[in-house]
Amino acid sequence: MANSPFNLANESDYRAWRDAKLAAYPRSVDELIVPLADPRQLSPGEIDAFESRCAHANMALYSTPHQPAADKSLVHQLARQLGLSRLEGNYLADEDGLSSITPANDEGGARGDFIPYTHKPINWHTDGYYNAPDRRILGMTLHCAQDAEAGGENALLDHEIAYIQLRDTNPDYVAALMQPDAMTIPARMDEDNVARPAQGGPVFSVDPSDGFLTMRYTARTRSIIWKNNAATQAAVKTLADILAGSEYILTARLRPGMGLVCNNVLHTRSGFTDSPSQRRLLYRGRYYDRLSFPARAA
């Protein structure tokens, strides 16, 4: 799209969009929080608050202090009111499509083989970075039913901010990471051979219909193949440096009844420890939809 700020040849529109984005971006995680009276039935003011925060940062946090924190139905009903309905039911998800992210009791088993189901930290990534293009994860929810005894914080960064910081460093790096073969995730094998085929694709891409920016990324150094040319390698290193110290990174510790809704922004998780009486449990939803907000008559 010629008039898109994500068109590398369109410097004037990029500069206008960039300046407005940085000026409005929250500098405290508290600016993202929307207190909710009842997530089953959002008020017009609460929807407006979600829309405003997501317009500035592609994400919002919410708190539901007067609701049962472990009630999964609240997550489903809240997501639907924010335009998230096409839930990805991956093979480790619960029957309702949400994933219960908690340390697995079967270390070395189906869940225990995957870092989200351990106490270990998780590096920068967007969800579903290994999915095929027709199964892009555009929206995500993360609801805290129980926090850890210690640790388990999430660092958050709007992918549009990462794009800005990379483009300001060198637009050629953005061009390199927009190539269709910039990043390849090798096939995942199981006892029946191929569990998931190899999947290549760009890091940054622009939706051809609606013009929004998406990002597909993992900071993992294993089980990933980066295009072997100088521009891509330099872009990957620069992006890693940005994620190691961007002034725009926000850190949140989700408490019971709190949650994140987002357009699949970059995020991490620190390592954590549990106790017998306080075992970390979060419900994660991955959606093929972006957040959207119902239009209301003036």
C-alpha atoms as a PDB file:
ATOM      1  CA  MET A   1       0.000   0.000   0.000  1.00  0.00           C
ATOM      2  CA  ALA A   2       1.608   3.214  -1.197  1.00  0.00           C
ATOM      3  CA  ASN A   3       0.093   5.399   1.551  1.00  0.00           C
ATOM      4  CA  SER A   4       0.929   2.989   4.370  1.00  0.00           C
ATOM      5  CA  PRO A   5       3.399   4.137   7.041  1.00  0.00           C
ATOM      6  CA  PHE A   6       4.867   0.632   6.753  1.00  0.00           C
ATOM      7  CA  ASN A   7       5.831   1.255   3.113  1.00  0.00           C
ATOM      8  CA  LEU A   8       9.577   1.827   3.264  1.00  0.00           C
ATOM      9  CA  ALA A   9       9.340   4.252   0.350  1.00  0.00           C
ATOM     10  CA  ASN A  10       6.797   6.420   2.182  1.00  0.00           C
ATOM     11  CA  GLU A  11       8.961   8.376   4.609  1.00  0.00           C
ATOM     12  CA  SER A  12       6.586  11.300   5.204  1.00  0.00           C
ATOM     13  CA  ASP A  13       3.606   9.210   6.320  1.00  0.00           C
ATOM     14  CA  TYR A  14       5.925   6.990   8.360  1.00  0.00           C
ATOM     15  CA  ARG A  15       7.348  10.002  10.217  1.00  0.00           C
ATOM     16  CA  ALA A  16       3.896  11.374  11.018  1.00  0.00           C
ATOM     17  CA  TRP A  17       2.652   7.980  12.227  1.00  0.00           C
ATOM     18  CA  ARG A  18       5.879   7.297  14.157  1.00  0.00           C
ATOM     19  CA  ASP A  19       5.834  10.598  16.020  1.00  0.00           C
ATOM     20  CA  ALA A  20       2.190  10.188  17.024  1.00  0.00           C
ATOM     21  CA  LYS A  21       2.777   6.577  18.102  1.00  0.00           C
ATOM     22  CA  LEU A  22       5.739   7.370  20.328  1.00  0.00           C
ATOM     23  CA  ALA A  23       4.039  10.409  21.860  1.00  0.00           C
ATOM     24  CA  ALA A  24       0.987   8.375  22.891  1.00  0.00           C
ATOM     25  CA  TYR A  25       2.744   5.182  23.968  1.00  0.00           C
ATOM     26  CA  PRO A  26       2.304   4.415  27.695  1.00  0.00           C
ATOM     27  CA  ARG A  27       5.385   4.704  29.879  1.00  0.00           C
ATOM     28  CA  SER A  28       3.902   2.864  32.853  1.00  0.00           C
ATOM     29  CA  VAL A  29       2.111  -0.472  32.884  1.00  0.00           C
ATOM     30  CA  ASP A  30      -0.522   1.136  35.119  1.00  0.00           C
ATOM     31  CA  GLU A  31      -1.666   3.169  32.108  1.00  0.00           C
ATOM     32  CA  LEU A  32      -2.767  -0.078  30.440  1.00  0.00           C
ATOM     33  CA  ILE A  33      -5.080  -1.306  33.218  1.00  0.00           C
ATOM     34  CA  VAL A  34      -8.863  -1.278  32.745  1.00  0.00           C
ATOM     35  CA  PRO A  35     -10.802  -2.098  35.951  1.00  0.00           C
ATOM     36  CA  LEU A  36     -13.892  -4.175  35.122  1.00  0.00           C
ATOM     37  CA  ALA A  37     -17.088  -4.442  37.114  1.00  0.00           C
ATOM     38  CA  ASP A  38     -18.265  -7.534  35.227  1.00  0.00           C
ATOM     39  CA  PRO A  39     -16.226  -8.950  32.305  1.00  0.00           C
ATOM     40  CA  ARG A  40     -19.316 -10.861  31.158  1.00  0.00           C
ATOM     41  CA  GLN A  41     -21.020  -7.598  30.249  1.00  0.00           C
ATOM     42  CA  LEU A  42     -18.689  -4.697  29.505  1.00  0.00           C
ATOM     43  CA  SER A  43     -20.009  -1.185  29.845  1.00  0.00           C
ATOM     44  CA  PRO A  44     -19.587   1.327  26.998  1.00  0.00           C
ATOM     45  CA  GLY A  45     -16.985   3.131  29.109  1.00  0.00           C
ATOM     46  CA  GLU A  46     -15.001  -0.062  29.654  1.00  0.00           C
ATOM     47  CA  ILE A  47     -15.042  -0.861  25.935  1.00  0.00           C
ATOM     48  CA  ASP A  48     -13.877   2.682  25.202  1.00  0.00           C
ATOM     49  CA  ALA A  49     -11.028   2.216  27.689  1.00  0.00           C
ATOM     50  CA  PHE A  50      -9.943  -1.014  25.993  1.00  0.00           C
ATOM     51  CA  GLU A  51     -10.108   0.629  22.571  1.00  0.00           C
ATOM     52  CA  SER A  52      -8.045   3.625  23.674  1.00  0.00           C
ATOM     53  CA  ARG A  53      -5.297   1.536  25.247  1.00  0.00           C
ATOM     54  CA  CYS A  54      -5.116  -0.833  22.296  1.00  0.00           C
ATOM     55  CA  ALA A  55      -4.996   2.078  19.842  1.00  0.00           C
ATOM     56  CA  HIS A  56      -1.899   3.360  21.645  1.00  0.00           C
ATOM     57  CA  ALA A  57      -0.146   0.079  22.467  1.00  0.00           C
ATOM     58  CA  ASN A  58      -1.925  -2.862  20.761  1.00  0.00           C
ATOM     59  CA  MET A  59      -2.663  -4.214  24.240  1.00  0.00           C
ATOM     60  CA  ALA A  60      -4.495  -3.617  27.483  1.00  0.00           C
ATOM     61  CA  LEU A  61      -4.513  -5.150  30.939  1.00  0.00           C
ATOM     62  CA  TYR A  62      -7.669  -5.652  32.966  1.00  0.00           C
ATOM     63  CA  SER A  63      -8.516  -6.364  36.577  1.00  0.00           C
ATOM     64  CA  THR A  64     -11.631  -8.089  37.877  1.00  0.00           C
ATOM     65  CA  PRO A  65     -11.298  -7.871  41.682  1.00  0.00           C
ATOM     66  CA  HIS A  66     -14.917  -8.812  42.365  1.00  0.00           C
ATOM     67  CA  GLN A  67     -15.048 -11.938  40.173  1.00  0.00           C
ATOM     68  CA  PRO A  68     -13.858 -15.539  40.727  1.00  0.00           C
ATOM     69  CA  ALA A  69     -10.344 -15.523  39.278  1.00  0.00           C
ATOM     70  CA  ALA A  70     -10.381 -19.148  38.132  1.00  0.00           C
ATOM     71  CA  ASP A  71     -13.673 -18.941  36.186  1.00  0.00           C
ATOM     72  CA  LYS A  72     -12.694 -19.718  32.579  1.00  0.00           C
ATOM     73  CA  SER A  73     -16.103 -18.657  31.269  1.00  0.00           C
ATOM     74  CA  LEU A  74     -15.191 -15.048  32.073  1.00  0.00           C
ATOM     75  CA  VAL A  75     -12.263 -15.238  29.663  1.00  0.00           C
ATOM     76  CA  HIS A  76     -14.429 -16.522  26.811  1.00  0.00           C
ATOM     77  CA  GLN A  77     -17.146 -13.936  27.343  1.00  0.00           C
ATOM     78  CA  LEU A  78     -14.696 -11.066  27.627  1.00  0.00           C
ATOM     79  CA  ALA A  79     -12.828 -12.126  24.475  1.00  0.00           C
ATOM     80  CA  ARG A  80     -16.012 -12.317  22.389  1.00  0.00           C
ATOM     81  CA  GLN A  81     -16.972  -8.758  23.353  1.00  0.00           C
ATOM     82  CA  LEU A  82     -13.578  -7.588  22.069  1.00  0.00           C
ATOM     83  CA  GLY A  83     -13.885  -9.302  18.689  1.00  0.00           C
ATOM     84  CA  LEU A  84     -11.919 -12.461  19.536  1.00  0.00           C
ATOM     85  CA  SER A  85     -13.988 -15.453  18.499  1.00  0.00           C
ATOM     86  CA  ARG A  86     -11.851 -17.700  16.280  1.00  0.00           C
ATOM     87  CA  LEU A  87      -9.917 -19.522  18.984  1.00  0.00           C
ATOM     88  CA  GLU A  88      -7.025 -21.751  17.983  1.00  0.00           C
ATOM     89  CA  GLY A  89      -7.391 -25.118  19.673  1.00  0.00           C
ATOM     90  CA  ASN A  90      -3.814 -26.423  19.631  1.00  0.00           C
ATOM     91  CA  TYR A  91      -3.237 -30.001  20.667  1.00  0.00           C
ATOM     92  CA  LEU A  92      -2.120 -29.068  24.196  1.00  0.00           C
ATOM     93  CA  ALA A  93      -5.126 -26.823  24.786  1.00  0.00           C
ATOM     94  CA  ASP A  94      -8.028 -27.720  27.054  1.00  0.00           C
ATOM     95  CA  GLU A  95     -11.315 -28.929  25.576  1.00  0.00           C
ATOM     96  CA  ASP A  96     -12.668 -25.369  25.504  1.00  0.00           C
ATOM     97  CA  GLY A  97      -9.706 -24.156  23.412  1.00  0.00           C
ATOM     98  CA  LEU A  98      -7.930 -22.235  26.176  1.00  0.00           C
ATOM     99  CA  SER A  99      -4.556 -23.518  27.386  1.00  0.00           C
ATOM    100  CA  SER A 100      -3.995 -23.933  31.122  1.00  0.00           C
ATOM    101  CA  ILE A 101      -0.425 -22.693  31.505  1.00  0.00           C
ATOM    102  CA  THR A 102       0.910 -24.267  34.668  1.00  0.00           C
ATOM    103  CA  PRO A 103       3.954 -26.446  35.404  1.00  0.00           C
ATOM    104  CA  ALA A 104       3.294 -29.969  34.178  1.00  0.00           C
ATOM    105  CA  ASN A 105       3.385 -32.936  36.510  1.00  0.00           C
ATOM    106  CA  ASP A 106       4.629 -35.125  33.649  1.00  0.00           C
ATOM    107  CA  GLU A 107       8.052 -33.577  33.009  1.00  0.00           C
ATOM    108  CA  GLY A 108       9.248 -35.273  29.872  1.00  0.00           C
ATOM    109  CA  GLY A 109       5.628 -35.946  28.874  1.00  0.00           C
ATOM    110  CA  ALA A 110       3.433 -34.145  26.353  1.00  0.00           C
ATOM    111  CA  ARG A 111       3.280 -30.826  28.215  1.00  0.00           C
ATOM    112  CA  GLY A 112       6.487 -31.129  30.199  1.00  0.00           C
ATOM    113  CA  ASP A 113       8.527 -31.074  26.986  1.00  0.00           C
ATOM    114  CA  PHE A 114       7.446 -27.482  26.336  1.00  0.00           C
ATOM    115  CA  ILE A 115       8.921 -24.537  28.267  1.00  0.00           C
ATOM    116  CA  PRO A 116       5.568 -22.744  28.940  1.00  0.00           C
ATOM    117  CA  TYR A 117       4.580 -25.743  31.066  1.00  0.00           C
ATOM    118  CA  THR A 118       7.699 -25.480  33.265  1.00  0.00           C
ATOM    119  CA  HIS A 119       9.039 -22.971  35.799  1.00  0.00           C
ATOM    120  CA  LYS A 120      11.663 -21.748  33.321  1.00  0.00           C
ATOM    121  CA  PRO A 121      11.855 -18.247  31.820  1.00  0.00           C
ATOM    122  CA  ILE A 122      10.601 -17.677  28.265  1.00  0.00           C
ATOM    123  CA  ASN A 123      12.466 -15.289  25.983  1.00  0.00           C
ATOM    124  CA  TRP A 124      10.931 -12.702  23.635  1.00  0.00           C
ATOM    125  CA  HIS A 125       8.403 -14.072  21.163  1.00  0.00           C
ATOM    126  CA  THR A 126       5.031 -13.616  19.568  1.00  0.00           C
ATOM    127  CA  ASP A 127       2.574 -16.472  19.887  1.00  0.00           C
ATOM    128  CA  GLY A 128       2.188 -18.957  17.055  1.00  0.00           C
ATOM    129  CA  TYR A 129       5.402 -17.907  15.302  1.00  0.00           C
ATOM    130  CA  TYR A 130       5.579 -21.426  13.831  1.00  0.00           C
ATOM    131  CA  ASN A 131       2.071 -21.302  12.301  1.00  0.00           C
ATOM    132  CA  ALA A 132       1.381 -21.280   8.566  1.00  0.00           C
ATOM    133  CA  PRO A 133       0.297 -17.910   7.060  1.00  0.00           C
ATOM    134  CA  ASP A 134      -3.350 -18.989   6.854  1.00  0.00           C
ATOM    135  CA  ARG A 135      -3.298 -19.679  10.612  1.00  0.00           C
ATOM    136  CA  ARG A 136      -1.734 -16.418  11.796  1.00  0.00           C
ATOM    137  CA  ILE A 137      -2.273 -15.683  15.474  1.00  0.00           C
ATOM    138  CA  LEU A 138      -3.507 -12.091  15.505  1.00  0.00           C
ATOM    139  CA  GLY A 139      -4.987 -11.825  18.985  1.00  0.00           C
ATOM    140  CA  MET A 140      -4.102 -13.254  22.372  1.00  0.00           C
ATOM    141  CA  THR A 141      -5.496 -13.310  25.904  1.00  0.00           C
ATOM    142  CA  LEU A 142      -3.695 -14.276  29.095  1.00  0.00           C
ATOM    143  CA  HIS A 143      -5.768 -14.519  32.271  1.00  0.00           C
ATOM    144  CA  CYS A 144      -4.310 -15.126  35.733  1.00  0.00           C
ATOM    145  CA  ALA A 145      -6.192 -17.620  37.870  1.00  0.00           C
ATOM    146  CA  GLN A 146      -3.291 -17.863  40.352  1.00  0.00           C
ATOM    147  CA  ASP A 147       0.084 -16.141  40.428  1.00  0.00           C
ATOM    148  CA  ALA A 148       3.327 -17.791  41.504  1.00  0.00           C
ATOM    149  CA  GLU A 149       4.857 -17.658  44.952  1.00  0.00           C
ATOM    150  CA  ALA A 150       7.664 -15.592  43.381  1.00  0.00           C
ATOM    151  CA  GLY A 151       8.505 -14.502  39.846  1.00  0.00           C
ATOM    152  CA  GLY A 152       6.519 -15.094  36.671  1.00  0.00           C
ATOM    153  CA  GLU A 153       6.478 -11.468  35.474  1.00  0.00           C
ATOM    154  CA  ASN A 154       5.748 -10.663  31.832  1.00  0.00           C
ATOM    155  CA  ALA A 155       7.720  -8.080  29.865  1.00  0.00           C
ATOM    156  CA  LEU A 156       5.623  -6.553  27.065  1.00  0.00           C
ATOM    157  CA  LEU A 157       6.468  -4.565  23.959  1.00  0.00           C
ATOM    158  CA  ASP A 158       4.161  -3.475  21.160  1.00  0.00           C
ATOM    159  CA  HIS A 159       5.548  -4.934  17.930  1.00  0.00           C
ATOM    160  CA  GLU A 160       4.954  -1.579  16.227  1.00  0.00           C
ATOM    161  CA  ILE A 161       7.478  -0.043  18.630  1.00  0.00           C
ATOM    162  CA  ALA A 162      10.026  -2.735  17.756  1.00  0.00           C
ATOM    163  CA  TYR A 163       9.396  -1.937  14.089  1.00  0.00           C
ATOM    164  CA  ILE A 164       9.965   1.784  14.708  1.00  0.00           C
ATOM    165  CA  GLN A 165      13.191   1.248  16.601  1.00  0.00           C
ATOM    166  CA  LEU A 166      14.535  -1.122  13.961  1.00  0.00           C
ATOM    167  CA  ARG A 167      13.523   1.119  11.054  1.00  0.00           C
ATOM    168  CA  ASP A 168      15.047   4.166  12.741  1.00  0.00           C
ATOM    169  CA  THR A 169      18.306   2.243  13.065  1.00  0.00           C
ATOM    170  CA  ASN A 170      18.356   1.078   9.449  1.00  0.00           C
ATOM    171  CA  PRO A 171      15.376   0.675   7.070  1.00  0.00           C
ATOM    172  CA  ASP A 172      17.322  -2.031   5.241  1.00  0.00           C
ATOM    173  CA  TYR A 173      16.982  -4.196   8.342  1.00  0.00           C
ATOM    174  CA  VAL A 174      13.189  -3.954   8.156  1.00  0.00           C
ATOM    175  CA  ALA A 175      13.328  -4.824   4.460  1.00  0.00           C
ATOM    176  CA  ALA A 176      15.419  -7.890   5.271  1.00  0.00           C
ATOM    177  CA  LEU A 177      12.956  -9.094   7.909  1.00  0.00           C
ATOM    178  CA  MET A 178      10.030  -8.609   5.524  1.00  0.00           C
ATOM    179  CA  GLN A 179      11.453 -11.184   3.110  1.00  0.00           C
ATOM    180  CA  PRO A 180       9.290 -14.327   2.808  1.00  0.00           C
ATOM    181  CA  ASP A 181      12.228 -16.554   3.766  1.00  0.00           C
ATOM    182  CA  ALA A 182      13.675 -14.421   6.572  1.00  0.00           C
ATOM    183  CA  MET A 183      12.924 -16.953   9.338  1.00  0.00           C
ATOM    184  CA  THR A 184      12.270 -20.685   9.139  1.00  0.00           C
ATOM    185  CA  ILE A 185      11.112 -22.909  11.974  1.00  0.00           C
ATOM    186  CA  PRO A 186      12.262 -26.486  11.294  1.00  0.00           C
ATOM    187  CA  ALA A 187       9.817 -29.383  11.380  1.00  0.00           C
ATOM    188  CA  ARG A 188       8.937 -30.776  14.788  1.00  0.00           C
ATOM    189  CA  MET A 189       9.176 -34.535  14.991  1.00  0.00           C
ATOM    190  CA  ASP A 190       7.418 -36.971  17.281  1.00  0.00           C
ATOM    191  CA  GLU A 191       7.151 -40.753  17.492  1.00  0.00           C
ATOM    192  CA  ASP A 192       4.958 -40.703  14.369  1.00  0.00           C
ATOM    193  CA  ASN A 193       7.559 -38.692  12.412  1.00  0.00           C
ATOM    194  CA  VAL A 194       6.474 -35.163  11.392  1.00  0.00           C
ATOM    195  CA  ALA A 195       4.239 -33.504  14.001  1.00  0.00           C
ATOM    196  CA  ARG A 196       4.548 -30.062  12.404  1.00  0.00           C
ATOM    197  CA  PRO A 197       6.174 -29.325   9.029  1.00  0.00           C
ATOM    198  CA  ALA A 198       8.896 -26.726   8.601  1.00  0.00           C
ATOM    199  CA  GLN A 199       7.454 -23.230   8.303  1.00  0.00           C
ATOM    200  CA  GLY A 200       9.170 -20.255   6.740  1.00  0.00           C
ATOM    201  CA  GLY A 201       7.989 -16.677   6.535  1.00  0.00           C
ATOM    202  CA  PRO A 202       8.761 -13.037   7.250  1.00  0.00           C
ATOM    203  CA  VAL A 203       9.199 -11.450  10.660  1.00  0.00           C
ATOM    204  CA  PHE A 204       7.269  -8.279   9.784  1.00  0.00           C
ATOM    205  CA  SER A 205       4.377  -8.273   7.348  1.00  0.00           C
ATOM    206  CA  VAL A 206       1.553  -5.929   6.441  1.00  0.00           C
ATOM    207  CA  ASP A 207      -1.965  -7.261   6.042  1.00  0.00           C
ATOM    208  CA  PRO A 208      -2.869  -6.781   2.371  1.00  0.00           C
ATOM    209  CA  SER A 209      -6.524  -6.016   3.075  1.00  0.00           C
ATOM    210  CA  ASP A 210      -6.529  -3.913   6.228  1.00  0.00           C
ATOM    211  CA  GLY A 211      -2.973  -2.592   6.300  1.00  0.00           C
ATOM    212  CA  PHE A 212      -2.067  -3.473   9.890  1.00  0.00           C
ATOM    213  CA  LEU A 213       1.401  -4.680  10.865  1.00  0.00           C
ATOM    214  CA  THR A 214       1.975  -8.182  12.200  1.00  0.00           C
ATOM    215  CA  MET A 215       5.090  -9.758  13.635  1.00  0.00           C
ATOM    216  CA  ARG A 216       6.279 -13.354  13.760  1.00  0.00           C
ATOM    217  CA  TYR A 217       9.294 -13.761  16.016  1.00  0.00           C
ATOM    218  CA  THR A 218      11.169 -15.808  18.549  1.00  0.00           C
ATOM    219  CA  ALA A 219      14.445 -14.985  20.256  1.00  0.00           C
ATOM    220  CA  ARG A 220      15.249 -18.674  20.563  1.00  0.00           C
ATOM    221  CA  THR A 221      18.624 -19.629  19.124  1.00  0.00           C
ATOM    222  CA  ARG A 222      17.799 -23.324  18.777  1.00  0.00           C
ATOM    223  CA  SER A 223      15.245 -24.767  16.360  1.00  0.00           C
ATOM    224  CA  ILE A 224      15.292 -21.685  14.149  1.00  0.00           C
ATOM    225  CA  ILE A 225      17.003 -20.885  10.866  1.00  0.00           C
ATOM    226  CA  TRP A 226      17.653 -17.274   9.865  1.00  0.00           C
ATOM    227  CA  LYS A 227      18.326 -16.370   6.248  1.00  0.00           C
ATOM    228  CA  ASN A 228      22.067 -16.497   5.763  1.00  0.00           C
ATOM    229  CA  ASN A 229      22.905 -13.082   4.363  1.00  0.00           C
ATOM    230  CA  ALA A 230      24.531 -10.029   5.906  1.00  0.00           C
ATOM    231  CA  ALA A 231      21.416  -7.833   6.042  1.00  0.00           C
ATOM    232  CA  THR A 232      19.279 -10.464   7.775  1.00  0.00           C
ATOM    233  CA  GLN A 233      21.976 -11.403  10.263  1.00  0.00           C
ATOM    234  CA  ALA A 234      22.575  -7.737  11.138  1.00  0.00           C
ATOM    235  CA  ALA A 235      18.829  -7.142  11.472  1.00  0.00           C
ATOM    236  CA  VAL A 236      18.423 -10.112  13.822  1.00  0.00           C
ATOM    237  CA  LYS A 237      21.261  -8.892  16.046  1.00  0.00           C
ATOM    238  CA  THR A 238      19.927  -5.333  16.113  1.00  0.00           C
ATOM    239  CA  LEU A 239      16.418  -6.503  16.954  1.00  0.00           C
ATOM    240  CA  ALA A 240      17.809  -8.622  19.802  1.00  0.00           C
ATOM    241  CA  ASP A 241      19.653  -5.557  21.109  1.00  0.00           C
ATOM    242  CA  ILE A 242      16.430  -3.531  20.974  1.00  0.00           C
ATOM    243  CA  LEU A 243      14.567  -6.192  22.939  1.00  0.00           C
ATOM    244  CA  ALA A 244      17.359  -6.326  25.498  1.00  0.00           C
ATOM    245  CA  GLY A 245      17.028  -2.683  26.420  1.00  0.00           C
ATOM    246  CA  SER A 246      14.184  -0.767  24.797  1.00  0.00           C
ATOM    247  CA  GLU A 247      12.975   2.109  26.942  1.00  0.00           C
ATOM    248  CA  TYR A 248       9.421   1.243  25.876  1.00  0.00           C
ATOM    249  CA  ILE A 249       9.324  -2.209  27.494  1.00  0.00           C
ATOM    250  CA  LEU A 250       6.607  -2.547  30.155  1.00  0.00           C
ATOM    251  CA  THR A 251       6.695  -5.209  32.874  1.00  0.00           C
ATOM    252  CA  ALA A 252       3.592  -6.631  34.532  1.00  0.00           C
ATOM    253  CA  ARG A 253       2.973  -9.151  37.241  1.00  0.00           C
ATOM    254  CA  LEU A 254      -0.504 -10.535  36.724  1.00  0.00           C
ATOM    255  CA  ARG A 255      -2.365 -11.146  39.961  1.00  0.00           C
ATOM    256  CA  PRO A 256      -5.450 -13.370  40.297  1.00  0.00           C
ATOM    257  CA  GLY A 257      -8.286 -11.885  38.272  1.00  0.00           C
ATOM    258  CA  MET A 258      -5.974  -9.818  36.076  1.00  0.00           C
ATOM    259  CA  GLY A 259      -5.318 -10.425  32.413  1.00  0.00           C
ATOM    260  CA  LEU A 260      -3.839  -9.260  29.144  1.00  0.00           C
ATOM    261  CA  VAL A 261      -5.635  -8.758  25.835  1.00  0.00           C
ATOM    262  CA  CYS A 262      -3.523  -7.861  22.824  1.00  0.00           C
ATOM    263  CA  ASN A 263      -2.888  -7.991  19.109  1.00  0.00           C
ATOM    264  CA  ASN A 264      -0.173 -10.621  19.686  1.00  0.00           C
ATOM    265  CA  VAL A 265       2.480  -8.229  20.963  1.00  0.00           C
ATOM    266  CA  LEU A 266       6.010  -9.271  21.894  1.00  0.00           C
ATOM    267  CA  HIS A 267       6.240 -10.735  25.383  1.00  0.00           C
ATOM    268  CA  THR A 268       8.408 -12.732  27.777  1.00  0.00           C
ATOM    269  CA  ARG A 269       7.997 -14.565  31.064  1.00  0.00           C
ATOM    270  CA  SER A 270      10.508 -14.633  33.878  1.00  0.00           C
ATOM    271  CA  GLY A 271      11.244 -17.847  35.754  1.00  0.00           C
ATOM    272  CA  PHE A 272       9.194 -18.486  38.876  1.00  0.00           C
ATOM    273  CA  THR A 273       8.785 -20.653  41.932  1.00  0.00           C
ATOM    274  CA  ASP A 274       5.603 -22.155  43.331  1.00  0.00           C
ATOM    275  CA  SER A 275       4.597 -23.417  46.732  1.00  0.00           C
ATOM    276  CA  PRO A 276       2.083 -26.158  47.550  1.00  0.00           C
ATOM    277  CA  SER A 277      -0.525 -23.498  48.325  1.00  0.00           C
ATOM    278  CA  GLN A 278       0.327 -21.124  45.467  1.00  0.00           C
ATOM    279  CA  ARG A 279       0.788 -22.765  42.075  1.00  0.00           C
ATOM    280  CA  ARG A 280       0.904 -20.454  39.053  1.00  0.00           C
ATOM    281  CA  LEU A 281      -2.002 -20.969  36.615  1.00  0.00           C
ATOM    282  CA  LEU A 282      -2.817 -18.800  33.630  1.00  0.00           C
ATOM    283  CA  TYR A 283      -5.382 -19.355  30.893  1.00  0.00           C
ATOM    284  CA  ARG A 284      -4.041 -18.487  27.441  1.00  0.00           C
ATOM    285  CA  GLY A 285      -6.175 -17.944  24.370  1.00  0.00           C
ATOM    286  CA  ARG A 286      -4.794 -17.636  20.836  1.00  0.00           C
ATOM    287  CA  TYR A 287      -7.059 -16.218  18.162  1.00  0.00           C
ATOM    288  CA  TYR A 288      -7.105 -15.829  14.399  1.00  0.00           C
ATOM    289  CA  ASP A 289      -8.791 -12.433  14.998  1.00  0.00           C
ATOM    290  CA  ARG A 290      -7.479  -9.012  15.937  1.00  0.00           C
ATOM    291  CA  LEU A 291      -9.116  -7.047  18.698  1.00  0.00           C
ATOM    292  CA  SER A 292     -12.109  -5.028  17.518  1.00  0.00           C
ATOM    293  CA  PHE A 293     -14.610  -2.866  19.307  1.00  0.00           C
ATOM    294  CA  PRO A 294     -18.346  -2.548  18.676  1.00  0.00           C
ATOM    295  CA  ALA A 295     -19.460   0.639  17.010  1.00  0.00           C
ATOM    296  CA  ARG A 296     -22.000   2.591  19.030  1.00  0.00           C
ATOM    297  CA  ALA A 297     -24.377   5.317  18.049  1.00  0.00           C
ATOM    298  CA  ALA A 298     -23.203   8.794  19.051  1.00  0.00           C
END
